[in-house]
């Protein structure tokens, strides 16, 4: 999930809609301001309590519904943090904000299982609290791999990360880390200790970088040795950051947060670069970058795949008759229909002009053929509303089996040839090798 801290004043989705926040604050001004920012800006629901008794009453009714709590530490009638202890006792993530703060108070807060703390001073206090809330809630989508042969250290680091709502996977060796990364491609960050038997942290970082690019997963190195050269050695090996142990908890948290934020920003840029500007589907470049990896993985796992190339029938005539603006409306309508039918199961892209590609995964060739017929029929029956009235269009589909180990281009070229045959046979149909066999058998 992207790291969002901006209010949703443009009406765009924030990813936090419907989440319920428990706000514990005795100031009406702060309560009103925070409710407006969280509810109006992010679509969250806020339940406010101003006393310890109200907190107790609220927690008696489904405490698990709260995704996060925001707690004023200096609540009247609860001077020793009783409200915070009560909330943490229900395993509700908490952000503490307080007007009085000292090194002793900071240490006291960090010893508790709080997600973050914010100073309640100055004109930026509410902004800082809203940003902290968005950052912590965004962490739920981030996955961190902790690699350390010491169970004590793994547990300590993992606990700190889970307090921040990160998903965490722990392993005790370099070999286990590589095996985990082989089976899971969704890690955003790895935290790796240097001193490990068999494969030390530097070697592990080098091995990871042979498999993962810098912009796809970041790495933080750790070491308890006093050797200052380890920082440069880890960075040279491919790490993005380095910390000496014992770690300062605040520093560790912010180094992790900044690395996760960078990962998300790069991911957002990569996502924008991978999308077609008109339809919002993946573009040709992404199709050719991602498709071969998906084919290789499916073949390794013995899963069937098929390649479909789709073309809107008589699209040039439509453009010449109604104009390019209507043509764009048609393209977007067809793209939306394809997106709805493909979901996340299949790789869908606009290849250019009025042509689309689908890498159909996990279906036998017969099932892929049936799926293409469903797609063809759905587009044929779909009314497209334009300024010039309601239009209807049809599509032709060429379908090729992804069986033998060939180049990705070959699969696409085969489907393209079958598309040509579909058009030659009268359009508005699915054509594959099976149709050629049937035609030959009929002629015989």
Protein backbone atom coordinates (compact mmCIF):
# COMPACT_ATOMS: atom_id res chain seq x y z
CA UNK A 1 0.00 0.00 0.00
CA UNK A 2 1.36 3.47 -0.86
CA UNK A 3 2.50 5.73 1.97
CA UNK A 4 -0.21 8.43 1.95
CA UNK A 5 -0.20 11.46 4.21
CA UNK A 6 -2.26 13.88 2.16
CA UNK A 7 -5.91 14.58 2.91
CA UNK A 8 -8.44 13.44 0.36
CA UNK A 9 -9.76 16.84 -0.64
CA UNK A 10 -9.74 15.90 -4.33
CA UNK A 11 -12.24 13.08 -3.80
CA UNK A 12 -9.75 10.32 -4.63
CA UNK A 13 -9.63 7.10 -2.63
CA UNK A 14 -7.19 7.13 0.29
CA UNK A 15 -7.21 3.45 1.23
CA UNK A 16 -8.44 4.25 4.76
CA UNK A 17 -12.16 4.57 4.07
CA UNK A 18 -14.32 2.95 6.76
CA UNK A 19 -11.51 2.34 9.25
CA UNK A 20 -12.56 3.19 12.80
CA UNK A 21 -10.29 5.27 15.04
CA UNK A 22 -10.58 5.57 18.81
CA UNK A 23 -9.75 9.14 19.86
CA UNK A 24 -9.11 9.76 23.57
CA UNK A 25 -8.91 13.53 24.14
CA UNK A 26 -10.53 15.87 26.65
CA UNK A 27 -10.10 19.04 24.57
CA UNK A 28 -13.19 19.77 22.47
CA UNK A 29 -11.13 21.89 20.08
CA UNK A 30 -8.60 19.11 19.42
CA UNK A 31 -11.37 16.53 19.13
CA UNK A 32 -13.33 18.56 16.59
CA UNK A 33 -10.26 19.36 14.51
CA UNK A 34 -9.01 15.77 14.46
CA UNK A 35 -12.43 14.34 13.64
CA UNK A 36 -12.77 16.74 10.73
CA UNK A 37 -9.34 15.85 9.33
CA UNK A 38 -9.69 12.09 9.74
CA UNK A 39 -13.33 11.77 8.71
CA UNK A 40 -13.48 14.49 6.06
CA UNK A 41 -9.96 14.03 4.75
CA UNK A 42 -9.58 10.24 4.82
CA UNK A 43 -13.07 8.77 5.12
CA UNK A 44 -12.34 7.22 8.52
CA UNK A 45 -14.85 6.87 11.35
CA UNK A 46 -13.85 8.42 14.67
CA UNK A 47 -15.20 7.44 18.09
CA UNK A 48 -14.21 10.07 20.65
CA UNK A 49 -13.86 9.62 24.42
CA UNK A 50 -12.96 12.37 26.87
CA UNK A 51 -12.78 10.39 30.13
CA UNK A 52 -11.42 7.07 31.36
CA UNK A 53 -14.97 5.92 32.09
CA UNK A 54 -15.99 6.54 28.47
CA UNK A 55 -12.97 4.59 27.26
CA UNK A 56 -13.91 1.66 29.50
CA UNK A 57 -17.49 1.72 28.26
CA UNK A 58 -16.45 1.94 24.62
CA UNK A 59 -14.01 -0.97 24.90
CA UNK A 60 -16.71 -3.21 26.33
CA UNK A 61 -18.40 -3.11 22.93
CA UNK A 62 -16.30 -4.83 20.21
CA UNK A 63 -12.85 -3.33 20.92
CA UNK A 64 -11.40 -5.17 17.89
CA UNK A 65 -13.24 -2.82 15.54
CA UNK A 66 -10.64 -0.10 16.09
CA UNK A 67 -7.77 -0.04 13.59
CA UNK A 68 -5.88 2.57 15.63
CA UNK A 69 -6.18 4.68 18.77
CA UNK A 70 -4.98 8.25 19.35
CA UNK A 71 -4.49 8.95 23.05
CA UNK A 72 -3.78 12.11 25.02
CA UNK A 73 -1.48 10.82 27.74
CA UNK A 74 -2.50 13.56 30.17
CA UNK A 75 -6.17 12.65 30.48
CA UNK A 76 -7.94 14.08 33.56
CA UNK A 77 -8.62 11.35 36.09
CA UNK A 78 -5.99 9.10 34.51
CA UNK A 79 -2.67 10.82 35.25
CA UNK A 80 -0.53 7.67 35.14
CA UNK A 81 -1.51 6.55 31.62
CA UNK A 82 -4.38 4.32 32.74
CA UNK A 83 -6.27 4.92 29.46
CA UNK A 84 -3.23 3.90 27.43
CA UNK A 85 -2.75 0.72 29.46
CA UNK A 86 -6.42 -0.13 29.05
CA UNK A 87 -6.28 0.30 25.28
CA UNK A 88 -3.01 -1.57 24.85
CA UNK A 89 -4.50 -4.36 26.93
CA UNK A 90 -7.03 -4.81 24.14
CA UNK A 91 -4.21 -5.02 21.54
CA UNK A 92 -5.31 -1.81 19.82
CA UNK A 93 -2.37 0.01 18.18
CA UNK A 94 -1.82 3.37 19.86
CA UNK A 95 -0.31 6.73 18.99
CA UNK A 96 0.34 8.84 22.08
CA UNK A 97 0.27 12.62 22.02
CA UNK A 98 1.18 14.77 24.98
CA UNK A 99 2.00 18.38 25.77
CA UNK A 100 4.70 17.52 28.30
CA UNK A 101 7.67 15.52 27.13
CA UNK A 102 11.09 14.68 28.53
CA UNK A 103 13.73 12.02 28.01
CA UNK A 104 12.26 10.10 30.92
CA UNK A 105 8.72 10.35 29.51
CA UNK A 106 9.98 9.28 26.06
CA UNK A 107 11.65 6.19 27.52
CA UNK A 108 8.51 5.38 29.50
CA UNK A 109 6.39 5.58 26.36
CA UNK A 110 8.77 3.49 24.25
CA UNK A 111 8.79 0.72 26.84
CA UNK A 112 5.07 0.35 26.21
CA UNK A 113 3.75 -1.20 23.00
CA UNK A 114 2.93 2.11 21.32
CA UNK A 115 3.12 2.63 17.56
CA UNK A 116 4.33 6.25 17.79
CA UNK A 117 4.24 9.43 19.84
CA UNK A 118 3.55 13.04 18.82
CA UNK A 119 4.17 16.23 20.74
CA UNK A 120 1.06 18.29 21.42
CA UNK A 121 2.68 21.66 20.95
CA UNK A 122 2.79 24.33 18.28
CA UNK A 123 0.55 24.93 15.27
CA UNK A 124 1.66 21.75 13.50
CA UNK A 125 0.56 19.35 16.25
CA UNK A 126 -2.65 18.25 14.54
CA UNK A 127 -0.94 17.96 11.16
CA UNK A 128 1.77 15.80 12.72
CA UNK A 129 -0.77 13.56 14.42
CA UNK A 130 -2.75 13.10 11.19
CA UNK A 131 0.44 12.29 9.27
CA UNK A 132 1.53 9.81 11.94
CA UNK A 133 -1.87 8.11 11.76
CA UNK A 134 -1.70 7.80 7.95
CA UNK A 135 1.86 6.50 8.09
CA UNK A 136 1.11 3.84 10.71
CA UNK A 137 -2.04 2.66 8.92
CA UNK A 138 -0.15 2.53 5.62
CA UNK A 139 2.38 0.17 7.22
CA UNK A 140 -0.22 -2.61 7.20
CA UNK A 141 0.59 -3.20 3.53
CA UNK A 142 4.36 -3.45 3.99
CA UNK A 143 6.16 -6.78 4.52
CA UNK A 144 9.55 -6.93 6.28
CA UNK A 145 11.95 -9.90 6.39
CA UNK A 146 14.09 -10.12 9.55
CA UNK A 147 17.22 -12.30 9.19
CA UNK A 148 19.19 -13.07 12.36
CA UNK A 149 20.43 -16.32 13.91
CA UNK A 150 19.76 -14.93 17.40
CA UNK A 151 16.18 -15.63 18.46
CA UNK A 152 16.35 -12.86 21.06
CA UNK A 153 17.38 -10.28 18.49
CA UNK A 154 14.84 -11.50 15.91
CA UNK A 155 12.04 -11.26 18.45
CA UNK A 156 13.08 -7.79 19.59
CA UNK A 157 13.30 -6.37 16.06
CA UNK A 158 10.09 -8.09 15.00
CA UNK A 159 8.23 -6.76 18.01
CA UNK A 160 9.28 -3.19 17.19
CA UNK A 161 8.18 -3.65 13.58
CA UNK A 162 4.83 -5.19 14.50
CA UNK A 163 4.13 -2.31 16.86
CA UNK A 164 4.30 -0.19 13.72
CA UNK A 165 1.79 -2.57 12.05
CA UNK A 166 4.27 -4.00 9.54
CA UNK A 167 3.83 -7.62 8.50
CA UNK A 168 6.95 -9.48 9.60
CA UNK A 169 8.55 -12.78 8.62
CA UNK A 170 11.50 -14.09 10.68
CA UNK A 171 14.22 -16.47 9.50
CA UNK A 172 17.41 -17.61 11.23
CA UNK A 173 19.88 -18.00 8.34
CA UNK A 174 20.90 -16.74 4.94
CA UNK A 175 19.77 -19.96 3.25
CA UNK A 176 16.33 -19.67 4.86
CA UNK A 177 16.14 -16.04 3.74
CA UNK A 178 16.89 -16.91 0.11
CA UNK A 179 14.38 -19.74 0.19
CA UNK A 180 11.73 -17.40 1.60
CA UNK A 181 12.42 -14.75 -1.04
CA UNK A 182 12.21 -17.40 -3.75
CA UNK A 183 8.67 -18.30 -2.72
CA UNK A 184 7.45 -14.78 -1.86
CA UNK A 185 7.98 -11.80 -4.12
CA UNK A 186 6.15 -9.27 -1.94
CA UNK A 187 8.78 -8.19 0.60
CA UNK A 188 9.42 -4.45 0.80
CA UNK A 189 12.41 -4.53 3.17
CA UNK A 190 14.92 -6.96 4.64
CA UNK A 191 16.73 -6.34 7.96
CA UNK A 192 19.88 -8.48 7.96
CA UNK A 193 22.42 -9.12 10.71
CA UNK A 194 26.09 -9.45 9.75
CA UNK A 195 27.21 -12.16 12.18
CA UNK A 196 25.55 -15.41 11.10
CA UNK A 197 27.03 -18.89 10.62
CA UNK A 198 27.51 -20.42 7.15
CA UNK A 199 26.48 -17.27 5.29
CA UNK A 200 27.20 -13.87 6.84
CA UNK A 201 25.08 -10.78 6.18
CA UNK A 202 27.37 -9.34 3.50
CA UNK A 203 27.23 -12.50 1.41
CA UNK A 204 23.45 -12.66 1.85
CA UNK A 205 23.03 -9.08 0.64
CA UNK A 206 25.09 -9.88 -2.47
CA UNK A 207 22.99 -12.99 -3.13
CA UNK A 208 19.76 -11.02 -2.73
CA UNK A 209 20.96 -8.35 -5.15
CA UNK A 210 21.59 -11.02 -7.76
CA UNK A 211 17.89 -11.82 -7.48
CA UNK A 212 16.25 -8.50 -6.56
CA UNK A 213 16.84 -5.05 -8.02
CA UNK A 214 17.57 -2.08 -5.77
CA UNK A 215 14.21 -0.45 -6.44
CA UNK A 216 12.14 -3.58 -5.69
CA UNK A 217 13.28 -4.32 -2.14
CA UNK A 218 15.44 -2.30 0.24
CA UNK A 219 17.92 -3.73 2.74
CA UNK A 220 19.12 -2.53 6.16
CA UNK A 221 22.28 -4.15 7.52
CA UNK A 222 22.96 -4.59 11.24
CA UNK A 223 26.06 -5.44 13.28
CA UNK A 224 27.18 -5.36 16.88
CA UNK A 225 30.86 -5.21 15.86
CA UNK A 226 32.75 -1.95 16.32
CA UNK A 227 34.24 -2.22 12.82
CA UNK A 228 33.22 1.08 11.24
CA UNK A 229 34.10 -0.18 7.78
CA UNK A 230 31.06 -2.46 7.83
CA UNK A 231 28.82 0.46 6.86
CA UNK A 232 30.63 0.98 3.57
CA UNK A 233 30.98 -2.77 2.98
CA UNK A 234 27.23 -3.33 3.38
CA UNK A 235 26.41 -0.39 1.11
CA UNK A 236 28.88 -1.64 -1.49
CA UNK A 237 27.33 -5.11 -1.34
CA UNK A 238 23.91 -3.65 -2.14
CA UNK A 239 22.34 -2.60 1.17
CA UNK A 240 20.49 0.72 1.33
CA UNK A 241 21.17 1.48 4.98
CA UNK A 242 23.15 0.28 7.99
CA UNK A 243 22.75 0.43 11.78
CA UNK A 244 25.11 -0.45 14.61
CA UNK A 245 23.78 -2.53 17.50
CA UNK A 246 22.45 -2.13 20.07
CA UNK A 247 19.99 -0.10 18.03
CA UNK A 248 18.34 3.08 19.27
CA UNK A 249 14.65 2.25 18.99
CA UNK A 250 13.60 5.65 17.66
CA UNK A 251 16.36 5.60 15.05
CA UNK A 252 15.50 2.05 14.00
CA UNK A 253 11.84 2.94 13.57
CA UNK A 254 12.55 5.98 11.42
CA UNK A 255 15.20 4.28 9.30
CA UNK A 256 12.67 1.54 8.56
CA UNK A 257 9.90 4.08 7.89
CA UNK A 258 12.05 6.08 5.47
CA UNK A 259 13.15 2.98 3.58
CA UNK A 260 9.56 1.74 3.32
CA UNK A 261 8.46 5.18 2.13
CA UNK A 262 11.13 5.17 -0.57
CA UNK A 263 10.04 1.69 -1.68
CA UNK A 264 6.44 2.87 -1.97
CA UNK A 265 7.38 6.01 -3.88
CA UNK A 266 9.41 3.98 -6.37
CA UNK A 267 6.54 1.51 -6.65
CA UNK A 268 4.12 4.33 -7.40
CA UNK A 269 6.41 5.69 -10.12
CA UNK A 270 6.83 2.19 -11.56
CA UNK A 271 3.05 1.73 -11.49
CA UNK A 272 2.50 5.00 -13.37
CA UNK A 273 5.12 4.04 -15.95
CA UNK A 274 3.45 0.64 -16.42
CA UNK A 275 -0.03 2.06 -17.15
CA UNK A 276 -1.64 3.07 -20.41
CA UNK A 277 -2.60 6.75 -20.17
CA UNK A 278 -6.06 6.36 -21.74
CA UNK A 279 -7.49 3.11 -20.37
CA UNK A 280 -5.54 2.69 -17.14
CA UNK A 281 -4.63 -0.87 -18.16
CA UNK A 282 -1.06 -2.10 -18.13
CA UNK A 283 0.86 -0.99 -21.22
CA UNK A 284 2.82 -2.98 -23.80
CA UNK A 285 6.13 -2.43 -22.01
CA UNK A 286 4.83 -3.86 -18.74
CA UNK A 287 3.24 -6.79 -20.59
CA UNK A 288 6.60 -7.71 -22.12
CA UNK A 289 8.50 -7.18 -18.85
CA UNK A 290 6.12 -9.10 -16.58
CA UNK A 291 4.77 -11.70 -19.00
CA UNK A 292 7.97 -13.77 -19.41
CA UNK A 293 8.41 -14.02 -15.61
CA UNK A 294 4.82 -15.19 -15.18
CA UNK A 295 5.22 -17.74 -17.96
CA UNK A 296 8.45 -19.10 -16.45
CA UNK A 297 6.92 -19.36 -12.98
CA UNK A 298 3.79 -21.10 -14.29
CA UNK A 299 5.83 -23.59 -16.33
CA UNK A 300 7.98 -24.32 -13.29
CA UNK A 301 4.84 -25.05 -11.26
CA UNK A 302 3.18 -27.01 -14.08
CA UNK A 303 0.27 -24.58 -14.44
CA UNK A 304 -1.38 -24.10 -17.86
CA UNK A 305 -1.36 -20.73 -19.63
CA UNK A 306 -2.70 -19.30 -22.87
CA UNK A 307 -2.10 -16.12 -24.83
CA UNK A 308 -5.00 -14.11 -26.24
CA UNK A 309 -4.76 -11.10 -28.56
CA UNK A 310 -7.94 -9.02 -28.91
CA UNK A 311 -8.80 -6.45 -31.56
CA UNK A 312 -11.89 -4.21 -31.77
CA UNK A 313 -13.59 -4.92 -35.09
CA UNK A 314 -13.80 -2.09 -37.66
CA UNK A 315 -12.26 0.40 -35.25
CA UNK A 316 -10.79 2.58 -38.00
CA UNK A 317 -14.24 2.89 -39.59
CA UNK A 318 -15.66 3.86 -36.19
CA UNK A 319 -13.02 6.58 -35.78
CA UNK A 320 -13.61 7.89 -39.29
CA UNK A 321 -17.39 7.96 -38.75
CA UNK A 322 -17.68 9.31 -35.22
CA UNK A 323 -14.29 10.90 -34.52
CA UNK A 324 -11.41 10.06 -32.21
CA UNK A 325 -13.19 11.28 -29.07
CA UNK A 326 -15.89 8.63 -29.54
CA UNK A 327 -13.15 6.16 -30.38
CA UNK A 328 -11.54 6.88 -27.02
CA UNK A 329 -14.88 6.32 -25.27
CA UNK A 330 -15.14 2.92 -26.96
CA UNK A 331 -11.57 1.98 -26.04
CA UNK A 332 -12.18 2.83 -22.39
CA UNK A 333 -15.49 0.96 -22.31
CA UNK A 334 -13.94 -2.19 -23.80
CA UNK A 335 -10.95 -1.88 -21.45
CA UNK A 336 -13.25 -1.64 -18.42
CA UNK A 337 -15.15 -4.73 -19.52
CA UNK A 338 -11.92 -6.67 -20.01
CA UNK A 339 -10.62 -5.51 -16.62
CA UNK A 340 -13.79 -6.66 -14.89
CA UNK A 341 -13.66 -10.09 -16.52
CA UNK A 342 -9.92 -10.66 -16.03
CA UNK A 343 -9.73 -9.46 -12.44
CA UNK A 344 -6.35 -10.22 -10.89
CA UNK A 345 -6.13 -13.75 -12.24
CA UNK A 346 -4.81 -12.85 -15.69
CA UNK A 347 -2.29 -10.33 -17.05
CA UNK A 348 -4.18 -7.79 -19.16
CA UNK A 349 -2.64 -4.96 -21.19
CA UNK A 350 -3.37 -2.55 -23.99
CA UNK A 351 -0.79 -3.46 -26.62
CA UNK A 352 -1.44 -0.40 -28.77
CA UNK A 353 -4.25 1.20 -30.77
CA UNK A 354 -7.34 -0.98 -30.46
CA UNK A 355 -5.39 -4.14 -29.59
CA UNK A 356 -5.28 -5.82 -26.16
CA UNK A 357 -3.37 -8.81 -24.81
CA UNK A 358 -4.31 -11.29 -22.08
CA UNK A 359 -1.98 -13.87 -20.57
CA UNK A 360 -4.55 -16.33 -19.25
CA UNK A 361 -3.27 -18.23 -16.22
CA UNK A 362 -4.34 -21.37 -14.39
CA UNK A 363 -6.85 -22.61 -16.99
CA UNK A 364 -6.64 -25.49 -19.41
CA UNK A 365 -6.73 -24.57 -23.08
CA UNK A 366 -10.38 -25.59 -23.30
CA UNK A 367 -11.19 -23.41 -20.29
CA UNK A 368 -9.20 -20.53 -21.80
CA UNK A 369 -11.19 -20.91 -25.02
CA UNK A 370 -14.45 -20.78 -23.08
CA UNK A 371 -13.21 -17.71 -21.16
CA UNK A 372 -12.46 -15.94 -24.46
CA UNK A 373 -15.96 -16.72 -25.70
CA UNK A 374 -17.36 -15.17 -22.51
CA UNK A 375 -15.23 -12.06 -23.12
CA UNK A 376 -16.29 -11.83 -26.76
CA UNK A 377 -19.99 -12.21 -25.91
CA UNK A 378 -19.81 -9.68 -23.04
CA UNK A 379 -18.35 -7.01 -25.32
CA UNK A 380 -20.89 -7.74 -28.05
CA UNK A 381 -23.78 -7.30 -25.61
CA UNK A 382 -22.31 -4.20 -23.93
CA UNK A 383 -24.04 -0.88 -24.76
CA UNK A 384 -21.58 2.03 -24.98
CA UNK A 385 -23.14 5.39 -24.20
CA UNK A 386 -21.66 8.33 -26.14
CA UNK A 387 -22.73 11.89 -26.98
CA UNK A 388 -23.85 10.54 -30.35
CA UNK A 389 -26.05 7.86 -28.80
CA UNK A 390 -25.58 4.24 -27.84
CA UNK A 391 -23.04 2.21 -29.80
CA UNK A 392 -22.26 -1.47 -29.89
CA UNK A 393 -18.98 -3.04 -30.98
CA UNK A 394 -17.58 -6.52 -31.41
CA UNK A 395 -14.12 -7.99 -30.95
CA UNK A 396 -12.06 -10.71 -32.58
CA UNK A 397 -9.73 -12.89 -30.49
CA UNK A 398 -6.72 -15.00 -31.44
CA UNK A 399 -5.83 -17.65 -28.84
CA UNK A 400 -2.56 -19.60 -28.60
CA UNK A 401 -1.50 -22.29 -26.14
CA UNK A 402 1.54 -21.44 -24.00
CA UNK A 403 3.01 -24.91 -23.80
CA UNK A 404 6.48 -25.42 -25.26
CA UNK A 405 9.35 -23.37 -23.86
CA UNK A 406 9.60 -20.57 -26.41
CA UNK A 407 10.21 -16.83 -26.30
CA UNK A 408 7.39 -14.61 -25.10
CA UNK A 409 7.33 -12.99 -28.55
CA UNK A 410 6.56 -16.35 -30.13
CA UNK A 411 3.49 -16.86 -27.97
CA UNK A 412 2.24 -13.40 -28.83
CA UNK A 413 2.99 -13.81 -32.55
CA UNK A 414 1.09 -17.09 -32.63
CA UNK A 415 -1.95 -15.49 -31.01
CA UNK A 416 -1.65 -12.59 -33.45
CA UNK A 417 -1.72 -14.99 -36.41
CA UNK A 418 -4.87 -16.60 -35.06
CA UNK A 419 -6.35 -13.11 -34.63
CA UNK A 420 -5.70 -12.46 -38.32
CA UNK A 421 -7.51 -15.70 -39.16
CA UNK A 422 -10.45 -14.70 -36.93
CA UNK A 423 -10.81 -11.48 -38.86
CA UNK A 424 -10.45 -13.27 -42.18
CA UNK A 425 -13.18 -15.71 -41.08
CA UNK A 426 -15.68 -12.88 -40.53
CA UNK A 427 -14.72 -11.19 -37.23
CA UNK A 428 -16.59 -11.33 -33.89
CA UNK A 429 -15.17 -14.73 -33.08
CA UNK A 430 -12.43 -16.62 -31.24
CA UNK A 431 -9.90 -18.45 -33.38
CA UNK A 432 -7.20 -20.94 -32.34
CA UNK A 433 -5.30 -23.94 -33.63
CA UNK A 434 -8.33 -26.08 -32.81
CA UNK A 435 -10.31 -24.20 -35.46
CA UNK A 436 -7.69 -24.98 -38.10
CA UNK A 437 -7.80 -28.66 -37.16
CA UNK A 438 -11.60 -28.64 -37.31
CA UNK A 439 -11.53 -26.88 -40.67
CA UNK A 440 -9.09 -29.41 -42.11
CA UNK A 441 -11.12 -32.30 -40.71
CA UNK A 442 -14.28 -30.85 -42.25
CA UNK A 443 -12.64 -30.44 -45.63
CA UNK A 444 -11.50 -34.05 -45.55
